[in-house]
Amino acid sequence: MSTEVKVPTLGESVTEATIGEWLKQPGDAVKADEPIASLETDKVAVEVPSPITGVLSEHKVELGDTVEVGAIIALVEEGEASSAPAPAKSEKQESEPAEEKSEAAPASSPAPSPVEATDTSLTLSPAVRRAVLEHGVDPSTIKGTGKDGRLTKEDVLAAAKAKDSSPAPSTSGDAPAPSPAPSAGGERRTERVKMTRLRQTIARRLKGAQEEAALLTTFNDVDMSAVIETRNKYKDLFAKKHGIKLGFMSFFAKASVLALKDVPSVNAQIDGEEIVYHDFVDISVAVSAPNGLVVPVVRDCDKLSFAGIEQAIADYGQKAKDGTLTMADMQGGTFTISNGGVFGSLMSTPIINPPQSAVLGLHRIEDRAVVVNGEIVVRPMMYIALSYDHRLIDGREAVTALKIIKEAIEDPARLLIDL
């Protein structure tokens, strides 16, 4: 007897999704509540579980298809999968010379790509498949770090880097290893991959922000000496007491709270012909996920401790890596912090996250020569940027807010006495 697998409720105002990945193929055994497909919505990936224990018998839709809530996407046959072992090779097959096998194969058959050569049960997302093709690695030899051991793009890039840095295996004797034959006629390949729903939404929202808002960015630089010294002094005690590492993000979140309280317009938003002011601070923190950049919301940062902020960010980072962020995690937010410094960015002009009116951009820390009390000294410096909607926030307010953040980071005692 077949049981239908339907698209579950995806969240408020979300009525459709895209089949982003099939986690199980027809013929695979599945357990009740085991994920069989991953759906991509405008904001997050949602896994669809099997309603019963049995065998997945059929996919009713294709990878990349758009499906509505309640639509049937697969069928599961009730019962246990056959556990009979695969037939062993006969002695004749095992002893068959390799030369005879190669002669039996058509001479004109092209060599399979790394993706084609792997087991068909290995399901790869479009981004991972593209990375495998670009770097020529065998995905079956890579240990996945994603949810349920699935491969991520980062896993493929790490394997490609290890492959490039490892010495080529030596052949017997002192004869040099043969170099790979060049592609026939200098062939160059291109690949077209449909944009994921998440990437389409990111593109649409960011372009909409540029078209609707009057975007402007103001810059400043921050001496990180005091924060680095404070962190180094207390990080071990902090980790021992709270069970979480003390990072820089909590300092910037707390500094932003000071700025947003003193300059309320930076924490506000435009709704039609009205300005909506908030008496709370919910900070959206940009987190890198396998399918793109997402911005889960750390709520009530004005009430949270440093440990509470660090724990919330760490939890969101793990959920983003596992693909378990929910719609509720992404909704709301009155201000955004984006840390491009973790990727090595020296300076950037971040784009606001509508309907918010401002975003703080953090960048890498590097030693630079600066003048302090008339002397040239070397200090760990960071450029910070505040992009804002000039329709709501005046230049004076934006500069003031960024200056408050700078002063709080350079003198962390201000964070304790609300100055």
Protein backbone atom coordinates (compact mmCIF):
# COMPACT_ATOMS: atom_id res chain seq x y z
CA MET A 1 0.00 0.00 0.00
CA SER A 2 1.37 3.40 -1.01
CA THR A 3 1.35 6.44 1.27
CA GLU A 4 1.53 9.92 -0.19
CA VAL A 5 4.25 12.33 0.89
CA LYS A 6 2.90 15.88 0.82
CA VAL A 7 4.46 19.32 1.11
CA PRO A 8 3.99 20.42 4.74
CA THR A 9 2.95 23.85 5.95
CA LEU A 10 5.93 26.10 5.32
CA GLY A 11 5.15 29.08 7.50
CA GLU A 12 3.06 32.21 7.53
CA SER A 13 2.45 33.64 4.02
CA VAL A 14 4.64 30.96 2.38
CA THR A 15 2.57 28.94 -0.09
CA GLU A 16 5.14 27.29 -2.36
CA ALA A 17 8.69 25.97 -2.45
CA THR A 18 11.20 24.39 -4.81
CA ILE A 19 12.51 20.83 -4.71
CA GLY A 20 16.10 21.63 -3.79
CA GLU A 21 17.42 18.13 -3.14
CA TRP A 22 16.19 14.55 -3.06
CA LEU A 23 17.67 12.94 0.05
CA LYS A 24 16.27 9.52 -0.86
CA GLN A 25 15.96 7.83 -4.24
CA PRO A 26 13.31 5.33 -5.45
CA GLY A 27 14.09 1.95 -3.91
CA ASP A 28 15.73 3.40 -0.80
CA ALA A 29 14.52 2.26 2.59
CA VAL A 30 13.14 5.03 4.77
CA LYS A 31 12.07 5.25 8.38
CA ALA A 32 9.14 7.18 9.76
CA ASP A 33 10.04 10.87 10.13
CA GLU A 34 13.29 10.38 8.18
CA PRO A 35 13.85 13.27 5.72
CA ILE A 36 13.42 12.28 2.09
CA ALA A 37 13.55 15.70 0.39
CA SER A 38 14.74 19.23 1.03
CA LEU A 39 12.51 22.12 -0.04
CA GLU A 40 13.87 25.59 -0.67
CA THR A 41 11.63 28.46 0.33
CA ASP A 42 12.32 32.17 0.02
CA LYS A 43 14.31 32.13 3.26
CA VAL A 44 15.22 28.66 4.51
CA ALA A 45 15.46 25.01 3.51
CA VAL A 46 12.71 22.75 4.89
CA GLU A 47 13.05 18.98 5.08
CA VAL A 48 10.10 16.75 4.23
CA PRO A 49 9.92 13.60 6.39
CA SER A 50 8.53 10.23 5.45
CA PRO A 51 5.13 9.60 7.11
CA ILE A 52 5.80 5.85 7.51
CA THR A 53 8.55 3.24 7.55
CA GLY A 54 8.92 1.59 4.18
CA VAL A 55 10.50 1.99 0.77
CA LEU A 56 10.42 5.12 -1.37
CA SER A 57 8.73 3.92 -4.53
CA GLU A 58 8.38 7.02 -6.69
CA HIS A 59 9.23 10.70 -7.07
CA LYS A 60 6.13 12.53 -8.28
CA VAL A 61 8.03 15.74 -9.12
CA GLU A 62 11.48 16.53 -10.47
CA LEU A 63 14.42 18.29 -8.87
CA GLY A 64 13.95 22.04 -9.27
CA ASP A 65 10.15 21.87 -9.66
CA THR A 66 8.01 24.40 -7.80
CA VAL A 67 5.39 22.78 -5.54
CA GLU A 68 2.59 24.20 -3.43
CA VAL A 69 1.71 23.38 0.16
CA GLY A 70 -0.22 20.10 0.22
CA ALA A 71 1.10 18.88 -3.14
CA ILE A 72 2.09 15.20 -3.45
CA ILE A 73 5.81 14.89 -4.12
CA ALA A 74 6.51 11.18 -3.54
CA LEU A 75 5.04 7.77 -2.67
CA VAL A 76 6.27 5.42 0.06
CA GLU A 77 5.40 1.71 0.07
CA GLU A 78 4.71 0.31 3.51
CA GLY A 79 6.99 -2.49 4.67
CA GLU A 80 10.67 -3.27 5.10
CA ALA A 81 13.23 -3.05 2.30
CA SER A 82 14.83 -6.25 1.09
CA SER A 83 17.96 -7.00 3.08
CA ALA A 84 19.31 -9.70 0.78
CA PRO A 85 23.02 -9.21 0.14
CA ALA A 86 24.20 -8.29 -3.33
CA PRO A 87 25.29 -11.32 -5.37
CA ALA A 88 29.02 -11.95 -5.19
CA LYS A 89 31.11 -11.84 -8.31
CA SER A 90 31.82 -15.16 -9.92
CA GLU A 91 35.37 -16.49 -10.04
CA LYS A 92 35.33 -15.97 -13.78
CA GLN A 93 34.42 -12.31 -13.34
CA GLU A 94 37.10 -11.81 -10.70
CA SER A 95 39.80 -13.44 -12.81
CA GLU A 96 38.86 -11.70 -16.04
CA PRO A 97 41.91 -9.76 -17.25
CA ALA A 98 41.65 -5.99 -17.20
CA GLU A 99 42.71 -5.90 -20.83
CA GLU A 100 39.66 -7.91 -21.93
CA LYS A 101 37.37 -5.59 -19.99
CA SER A 102 38.85 -2.52 -21.60
CA GLU A 103 38.52 -4.05 -25.06
CA ALA A 104 34.88 -4.83 -24.42
CA ALA A 105 34.12 -1.18 -23.68
CA PRO A 106 33.29 1.02 -26.70
CA ALA A 107 36.39 2.97 -27.73
CA SER A 108 34.40 6.13 -28.32
CA SER A 109 32.76 6.23 -24.88
CA PRO A 110 33.82 9.40 -23.02
CA ALA A 111 35.34 9.09 -19.56
CA PRO A 112 32.72 9.70 -16.90
CA SER A 113 32.91 12.93 -14.92
CA PRO A 114 33.57 12.70 -11.18
CA VAL A 115 29.87 13.18 -10.57
CA GLU A 116 28.78 10.52 -13.07
CA ALA A 117 31.32 8.00 -11.80
CA THR A 118 29.95 7.99 -8.27
CA ASP A 119 27.19 5.92 -6.80
CA THR A 120 23.82 7.19 -7.92
CA SER A 121 22.64 7.13 -4.32
CA LEU A 122 24.97 10.05 -3.55
CA THR A 123 22.74 13.12 -3.87
CA LEU A 124 24.47 16.44 -4.47
CA SER A 125 22.99 19.92 -4.35
CA PRO A 126 23.51 22.12 -7.43
CA ALA A 127 26.23 24.16 -5.71
CA VAL A 128 28.11 21.04 -4.61
CA ARG A 129 27.74 19.42 -8.02
CA ARG A 130 29.13 22.52 -9.70
CA ALA A 131 32.12 22.60 -7.31
CA VAL A 132 32.81 18.90 -7.98
CA LEU A 133 32.84 19.49 -11.73
CA GLU A 134 35.01 22.59 -11.46
CA HIS A 135 37.67 21.01 -9.27
CA GLY A 136 37.58 17.46 -10.66
CA VAL A 137 37.28 15.66 -7.31
CA ASP A 138 35.51 12.41 -6.54
CA PRO A 139 32.65 13.20 -4.11
CA SER A 140 32.47 9.58 -2.95
CA THR A 141 35.90 9.97 -1.34
CA ILE A 142 34.97 13.10 0.65
CA LYS A 143 33.55 12.96 4.14
CA GLY A 144 30.55 15.29 4.38
CA THR A 145 30.14 17.64 7.32
CA GLY A 146 26.58 18.68 6.56
CA LYS A 147 23.40 17.30 8.07
CA ASP A 148 23.32 13.48 8.00
CA GLY A 149 26.82 13.47 6.55
CA ARG A 150 25.84 15.26 3.33
CA LEU A 151 28.48 17.07 1.32
CA THR A 152 28.71 20.84 1.42
CA LYS A 153 30.48 23.16 -0.98
CA GLU A 154 33.09 23.82 1.72
CA ASP A 155 33.83 20.08 1.92
CA VAL A 156 34.51 19.94 -1.82
CA LEU A 157 36.72 23.07 -1.77
CA ALA A 158 38.73 21.68 1.15
CA ALA A 159 39.21 18.36 -0.67
CA ALA A 160 40.27 20.18 -3.84
CA LYS A 161 42.78 22.27 -1.87
CA ALA A 162 44.20 19.15 -0.23
CA LYS A 163 44.42 17.47 -3.61
CA ASP A 164 46.31 20.40 -5.13
CA SER A 165 48.74 20.67 -2.21
CA SER A 166 49.53 16.93 -1.95
CA PRO A 167 52.50 15.64 -3.99
CA ALA A 168 51.71 13.52 -6.99
CA PRO A 169 52.17 9.78 -6.31
CA SER A 170 55.44 8.43 -7.68
CA THR A 171 55.43 5.64 -10.23
CA SER A 172 57.61 2.54 -10.07
CA GLY A 173 61.30 3.21 -10.42
CA ASP A 174 62.56 6.68 -11.16
CA ALA A 175 60.44 7.22 -14.24
CA PRO A 176 58.47 10.47 -14.10
CA ALA A 177 54.70 10.23 -13.75
CA PRO A 178 52.92 10.70 -17.08
CA SER A 179 51.22 14.06 -17.45
CA PRO A 180 47.49 14.05 -18.18
CA ALA A 181 46.54 14.38 -21.81
CA PRO A 182 45.21 17.83 -22.73
CA SER A 183 41.56 18.12 -23.61
CA ALA A 184 40.88 17.64 -27.29
CA GLY A 185 41.01 20.89 -29.23
CA GLY A 186 41.36 22.99 -26.08
CA GLU A 187 37.73 22.32 -25.18
CA ARG A 188 36.17 24.84 -22.80
CA ARG A 189 33.00 23.99 -20.95
CA THR A 190 30.18 26.01 -19.49
CA GLU A 191 27.36 24.92 -17.24
CA ARG A 192 23.96 26.46 -16.63
CA VAL A 193 22.51 25.91 -13.18
CA LYS A 194 19.11 27.21 -12.16
CA MET A 195 19.27 29.70 -9.32
CA THR A 196 17.97 28.33 -6.04
CA ARG A 197 14.86 29.94 -4.64
CA LEU A 198 16.96 31.35 -1.79
CA ARG A 199 19.43 32.93 -4.22
CA GLN A 200 16.55 34.36 -6.28
CA THR A 201 15.06 35.90 -3.14
CA ILE A 202 18.42 37.36 -2.09
CA ALA A 203 18.87 38.88 -5.55
CA ARG A 204 15.35 40.30 -5.60
CA ARG A 205 15.51 41.79 -2.10
CA LEU A 206 18.95 43.35 -2.51
CA LYS A 207 18.07 44.84 -5.89
CA GLY A 208 14.82 46.11 -4.42
CA ALA A 209 16.75 47.75 -1.57
CA GLN A 210 18.91 49.61 -4.09
CA GLU A 211 15.91 50.76 -6.10
CA GLU A 212 13.65 51.79 -3.20
CA ALA A 213 16.02 53.15 -0.55
CA ALA A 214 18.32 56.15 -0.78
CA LEU A 215 21.44 54.23 0.17
CA LEU A 216 24.50 55.93 1.57
CA THR A 217 27.50 54.58 3.51
CA THR A 218 29.65 56.28 6.14
CA PHE A 219 32.99 54.86 7.29
CA ASN A 220 35.21 54.97 10.33
CA ASP A 221 38.12 52.98 11.70
CA VAL A 222 38.40 51.38 15.11
CA ASP A 223 41.41 50.61 17.28
CA MET A 224 40.72 47.05 18.45
CA SER A 225 43.47 47.01 21.10
CA ALA A 226 41.17 47.36 24.12
CA VAL A 227 38.68 44.71 22.97
CA ILE A 228 41.47 42.28 22.06
CA GLU A 229 43.12 42.82 25.45
CA THR A 230 39.81 42.36 27.29
CA ARG A 231 38.98 39.23 25.32
CA ASN A 232 42.41 37.67 25.89
CA LYS A 233 42.22 38.46 29.59
CA TYR A 234 38.80 36.95 30.24
CA LYS A 235 38.15 34.42 27.46
CA ASP A 236 39.16 31.37 29.54
CA LEU A 237 37.08 32.42 32.56
CA PHE A 238 34.19 33.32 30.24
CA ALA A 239 34.27 29.92 28.52
CA LYS A 240 34.53 28.11 31.86
CA LYS A 241 31.56 29.94 33.35
CA HIS A 242 29.24 30.15 30.35
CA GLY A 243 30.34 27.22 28.19
CA ILE A 244 30.72 29.42 25.12
CA LYS A 245 33.63 31.28 23.54
CA LEU A 246 33.89 35.04 23.91
CA GLY A 247 34.03 36.55 20.43
CA PHE A 248 34.08 40.04 18.98
CA MET A 249 30.49 39.95 17.76
CA SER A 250 28.98 40.37 21.22
CA PHE A 251 31.06 43.54 21.75
CA PHE A 252 29.78 45.02 18.49
CA ALA A 253 26.21 43.94 19.25
CA LYS A 254 26.33 45.67 22.63
CA ALA A 255 28.00 48.74 21.10
CA SER A 256 25.25 48.83 18.48
CA VAL A 257 22.61 48.73 21.22
CA LEU A 258 24.13 51.89 22.73
CA ALA A 259 24.08 53.61 19.34
CA LEU A 260 20.53 52.56 18.48
CA LYS A 261 19.21 53.72 21.84
CA ASP A 262 20.85 57.13 21.42
CA VAL A 263 19.90 57.47 17.72
CA PRO A 264 16.43 55.82 17.44
CA SER A 265 16.04 56.50 13.71
CA VAL A 266 18.81 53.98 12.93
CA ASN A 267 16.66 51.34 14.64
CA ALA A 268 13.46 52.42 12.86
CA GLN A 269 11.87 51.65 9.49
CA ILE A 270 9.60 53.25 6.93
CA ASP A 271 6.12 51.76 6.47
CA GLY A 272 4.25 53.60 3.75
CA GLU A 273 4.07 57.21 4.87
CA GLU A 274 4.82 56.38 8.51
CA ILE A 275 8.02 55.84 10.49
CA VAL A 276 7.95 52.87 12.87
CA TYR A 277 10.20 53.27 15.93
CA HIS A 278 11.13 50.27 18.07
CA ASP A 279 11.84 50.31 21.81
CA PHE A 280 13.68 46.97 21.47
CA VAL A 281 16.77 45.90 19.53
CA ASP A 282 16.54 42.72 17.45
CA ILE A 283 19.80 42.32 15.54
CA SER A 284 19.95 40.26 12.35
CA VAL A 285 23.35 38.57 12.16
CA ALA A 286 24.58 37.59 8.70
CA VAL A 287 25.55 33.89 8.70
CA SER A 288 27.07 31.96 5.81
CA ALA A 289 25.04 28.84 4.94
CA PRO A 290 25.74 26.24 2.21
CA ASN A 291 23.02 27.75 -0.03
CA GLY A 292 23.81 31.42 0.57
CA LEU A 293 23.88 34.19 3.15
CA VAL A 294 21.09 34.13 5.72
CA VAL A 295 20.28 36.56 8.52
CA PRO A 296 18.73 34.94 11.60
CA VAL A 297 17.63 37.34 14.31
CA VAL A 298 19.10 37.63 17.81
CA ARG A 299 16.16 39.09 19.70
CA ASP A 300 16.26 41.54 22.60
CA CYS A 301 19.98 42.23 22.36
CA ASP A 302 19.42 45.18 24.67
CA LYS A 303 18.42 42.72 27.40
CA LEU A 304 20.82 39.84 26.65
CA SER A 305 24.20 39.38 28.32
CA PHE A 306 27.41 38.91 26.34
CA ALA A 307 27.06 35.16 26.91
CA GLY A 308 23.45 35.19 25.72
CA ILE A 309 24.41 36.93 22.48
CA GLU A 310 27.37 34.63 21.83
CA GLN A 311 25.26 31.54 22.52
CA ALA A 312 22.47 32.70 20.19
CA ILE A 313 24.94 33.41 17.37
CA ALA A 314 26.68 30.05 17.84
CA ASP A 315 23.35 28.21 17.78
CA TYR A 316 22.29 29.97 14.59
CA GLY A 317 25.65 29.23 12.96
CA GLN A 318 25.25 25.52 13.68
CA LYS A 319 21.65 25.50 12.48
CA ALA A 320 22.69 27.27 9.27
CA LYS A 321 25.38 24.65 8.65
CA ASP A 322 22.91 21.82 9.34
CA GLY A 323 20.19 23.44 7.23
CA THR A 324 17.73 23.52 10.13
CA LEU A 325 16.99 27.25 10.34
CA THR A 326 13.26 27.91 10.52
CA MET A 327 11.12 30.73 9.18
CA ALA A 328 10.68 32.00 12.75
CA ASP A 329 14.47 32.32 13.11
CA MET A 330 14.58 34.67 10.12
CA GLN A 331 11.58 36.89 10.75
CA GLY A 332 11.81 40.37 12.21
CA GLY A 333 15.01 42.22 12.97
CA THR A 334 15.49 45.96 13.41
CA PHE A 335 19.21 46.24 12.54
CA THR A 336 21.82 44.03 10.85
CA ILE A 337 25.49 43.30 11.50
CA SER A 338 27.48 41.70 8.67
CA ASN A 339 31.03 40.54 9.30
CA GLY A 340 32.88 40.35 6.00
CA GLY A 341 36.15 40.34 7.89
CA VAL A 342 35.95 36.61 8.49
CA PHE A 343 36.41 36.19 4.72
CA GLY A 344 39.26 38.72 4.56
CA SER A 345 37.37 41.82 3.43
CA LEU A 346 39.22 45.08 4.15
CA MET A 347 36.34 47.43 3.30
CA SER A 348 32.87 47.21 1.78
CA THR A 349 29.56 49.01 1.44
CA PRO A 350 26.94 46.58 2.80
CA ILE A 351 23.35 46.76 1.54
CA ILE A 352 20.53 47.18 4.04
CA ASN A 353 18.17 44.29 4.77
CA PRO A 354 14.65 45.64 4.00
CA PRO A 355 12.55 46.83 5.71
CA GLN A 356 15.41 47.76 8.05
CA SER A 357 17.06 51.12 7.57
CA ALA A 358 20.70 50.43 8.46
CA VAL A 359 23.39 47.75 8.47
CA LEU A 360 26.79 47.70 10.17
CA GLY A 361 29.64 46.16 8.19
CA LEU A 362 32.67 44.74 10.02
CA HIS A 363 35.96 43.97 8.32
CA ARG A 364 39.28 42.28 8.93
CA ILE A 365 41.65 43.39 11.67
CA GLU A 366 45.14 44.31 10.52
CA ASP A 367 48.11 46.06 12.07
CA ARG A 368 48.49 49.60 10.75
CA ALA A 369 50.60 52.60 11.61
CA VAL A 370 48.50 55.29 13.33
CA VAL A 371 49.28 58.49 15.17
CA VAL A 372 48.54 58.43 18.93
CA ASN A 373 49.46 61.42 21.09
CA GLY A 374 51.76 62.72 18.39
CA GLU A 375 53.63 59.42 17.97
CA ILE A 376 53.44 56.84 15.20
CA VAL A 377 52.49 53.47 16.69
CA VAL A 378 51.28 50.14 15.31
CA ARG A 379 47.76 49.19 16.34
CA PRO A 380 45.26 46.47 15.31
CA MET A 381 42.77 48.48 13.27
CA MET A 382 39.43 47.65 11.66
CA TYR A 383 37.38 49.64 9.17
CA ILE A 384 33.68 49.73 10.00
CA ALA A 385 30.91 50.89 7.68
CA LEU A 386 27.32 51.94 8.28
CA SER A 387 25.04 51.81 5.24
CA TYR A 388 21.71 53.56 5.81
CA ASP A 389 18.51 54.71 4.15
CA HIS A 390 18.92 58.45 3.69
CA ARG A 391 15.15 58.86 3.38
CA LEU A 392 14.89 58.24 7.12
CA ILE A 393 18.37 58.72 8.57
CA ASP A 394 20.25 62.00 8.18
CA GLY A 395 24.00 62.03 7.68
CA ARG A 396 24.53 63.57 11.12
CA GLU A 397 22.59 60.73 12.77
CA ALA A 398 24.45 58.05 10.83
CA VAL A 399 27.86 59.49 11.64
CA THR A 400 26.88 59.91 15.29
CA ALA A 401 25.72 56.29 15.56
CA LEU A 402 28.92 54.97 13.99
CA LYS A 403 31.00 57.20 16.26
CA ILE A 404 29.22 55.80 19.34
CA ILE A 405 30.04 52.26 18.18
CA LYS A 406 33.68 53.23 17.61
CA GLU A 407 34.03 54.83 21.06
CA ALA A 408 32.41 51.85 22.82
CA ILE A 409 34.76 49.38 21.12
CA GLU A 410 37.85 51.47 21.86
CA ASP A 411 36.75 51.87 25.51
CA PRO A 412 34.68 48.77 26.47
CA ALA A 413 33.98 50.23 29.94
CA ARG A 414 31.33 52.35 28.20
CA LEU A 415 29.37 49.15 27.58
CA LEU A 416 29.10 48.56 31.32
CA ILE A 417 28.04 52.05 32.37
CA ASP A 418 25.78 52.74 29.36
CA LEU A 419 27.77 55.73 28.15
